[in-house]
């Protein structure tokens, strides 16, 4: 949920509009900081799941840390790399279509 609010556009750019509407104040700053936002997203989840106040207090930073670790472990690259043009010689042109089994897949154009 934190990643969705922080960095995704959403359908019909709903989350982009939400971030713009939040502006530069407190709410805008909250949506601009992944770490801060993860704390506030984790709080209601910890309150709902925890059985005692001690458990809720321990779940709150644990859920936030889990979101942060997941965000750091996922690559920020697009899933499909953009085509790259490689010029080998004067008349020969190749398009890099991607990698398959760690080998470049090229097509002459």
Protein backbone atom coordinates (compact mmCIF):
# COMPACT_ATOMS: atom_id res chain seq x y z
CA UNK A 1 0.00 0.00 0.00
CA UNK A 2 2.87 2.37 0.80
CA UNK A 3 4.50 1.80 -2.57
CA UNK A 4 1.17 2.35 -4.30
CA UNK A 5 0.59 5.73 -2.64
CA UNK A 6 4.23 6.81 -2.88
CA UNK A 7 5.24 5.99 -6.44
CA UNK A 8 2.51 4.53 -8.62
CA UNK A 9 0.24 6.50 -10.94
CA UNK A 10 -2.80 4.31 -10.37
CA UNK A 11 -5.80 3.96 -12.64
CA UNK A 12 -6.75 7.26 -14.30
CA UNK A 13 -3.67 8.76 -12.55
CA UNK A 14 -5.65 8.75 -9.31
CA UNK A 15 -2.59 8.63 -7.03
CA UNK A 16 -0.77 11.30 -9.04
CA UNK A 17 -3.76 13.60 -8.55
CA UNK A 18 -3.86 12.74 -4.84
CA UNK A 19 -0.17 13.63 -4.42
CA UNK A 20 -0.65 16.91 -6.33
CA UNK A 21 -3.71 17.81 -4.26
CA UNK A 22 -1.76 17.14 -1.05
CA UNK A 23 0.56 19.99 -2.05
CA UNK A 24 3.70 21.02 -0.23
CA UNK A 25 2.36 21.00 3.35
CA UNK A 26 2.30 18.24 5.94
CA UNK A 27 0.27 15.81 3.80
CA UNK A 28 2.38 16.43 0.71
CA UNK A 29 5.56 15.85 2.70
CA UNK A 30 4.09 12.66 4.08
CA UNK A 31 3.37 11.32 0.59
CA UNK A 32 6.86 12.33 -0.60
CA UNK A 33 8.73 10.31 2.05
CA UNK A 34 8.48 6.51 1.69
CA UNK A 35 9.79 5.91 5.22
CA UNK A 36 7.32 8.30 6.88
CA UNK A 37 4.44 7.00 4.83
CA UNK A 38 5.29 3.39 5.70
CA UNK A 39 4.98 4.24 9.41
CA UNK A 40 1.53 5.77 8.99
CA UNK A 41 0.30 2.96 6.74
CA UNK A 42 1.58 0.36 9.25
CA UNK A 43 -0.14 1.97 12.27
CA UNK A 44 -3.78 1.05 11.54
CA UNK A 45 -2.69 -2.40 10.39
CA UNK A 46 -0.83 -2.98 13.67
CA UNK A 47 -3.81 -1.74 15.69
CA UNK A 48 -6.19 -4.10 13.86
CA UNK A 49 -3.98 -7.18 14.04
CA UNK A 50 -2.34 -6.78 17.45
CA UNK A 51 -4.11 -8.38 20.42
CA UNK A 52 -2.49 -6.31 23.19
CA UNK A 53 -0.99 -2.83 23.28
CA UNK A 54 2.49 -4.32 23.64
CA UNK A 55 1.96 -6.46 20.57
CA UNK A 56 0.59 -3.48 18.63
CA UNK A 57 3.59 -1.38 19.65
CA UNK A 58 5.94 -4.08 18.36
CA UNK A 59 3.99 -4.73 15.16
CA UNK A 60 3.93 -1.06 14.14
CA UNK A 61 7.69 -0.65 13.42
CA UNK A 62 7.90 -4.26 12.22
CA UNK A 63 5.32 -3.69 9.46
CA UNK A 64 7.01 -0.43 8.50
CA UNK A 65 10.41 -2.13 8.36
CA UNK A 66 8.94 -4.93 6.25
CA UNK A 67 7.63 -2.42 3.71
CA UNK A 68 10.99 -0.64 3.61
CA UNK A 69 12.89 -3.91 3.11
CA UNK A 70 10.55 -4.99 0.30
CA UNK A 71 10.98 -1.60 -1.38
CA UNK A 72 14.77 -1.82 -1.17
CA UNK A 73 14.87 -5.42 -2.44
CA UNK A 74 12.85 -4.75 -5.58
CA UNK A 75 14.69 -3.25 -8.54
CA UNK A 76 13.63 0.19 -9.67
CA UNK A 77 14.22 -0.69 -13.31
CA UNK A 78 11.45 -1.23 -15.82
CA UNK A 79 10.50 -4.88 -16.32
CA UNK A 80 11.16 -4.70 -20.06
CA UNK A 81 14.38 -2.94 -21.04
CA UNK A 82 14.24 -0.35 -23.80
CA UNK A 83 15.70 -1.30 -27.17
CA UNK A 84 19.32 -0.25 -27.59
CA UNK A 85 20.96 0.41 -30.93
CA UNK A 86 24.48 -0.88 -31.47
CA UNK A 87 26.43 0.26 -34.52
CA UNK A 88 29.03 -2.22 -35.68
CA UNK A 89 30.70 -0.99 -38.82
CA UNK A 90 29.25 1.55 -41.24
CA UNK A 91 26.42 -0.42 -42.86
CA UNK A 92 25.51 -2.85 -40.12
CA UNK A 93 22.88 -1.97 -37.49
CA UNK A 94 21.58 -4.20 -34.70
CA UNK A 95 18.77 -3.75 -32.22
CA UNK A 96 19.23 -5.31 -28.78
CA UNK A 97 15.88 -6.96 -28.07
CA UNK A 98 16.74 -8.09 -24.56
CA UNK A 99 18.58 -10.88 -22.84
CA UNK A 100 17.70 -14.54 -22.80
CA UNK A 101 19.68 -16.84 -20.52
CA UNK A 102 22.21 -14.02 -19.95
CA UNK A 103 22.95 -13.73 -23.70
CA UNK A 104 22.04 -10.71 -25.78
CA UNK A 105 19.34 -11.27 -28.37
CA UNK A 106 19.94 -9.05 -31.42
CA UNK A 107 18.23 -8.48 -34.73
CA UNK A 108 19.81 -6.88 -37.79
CA UNK A 109 17.94 -3.92 -39.22
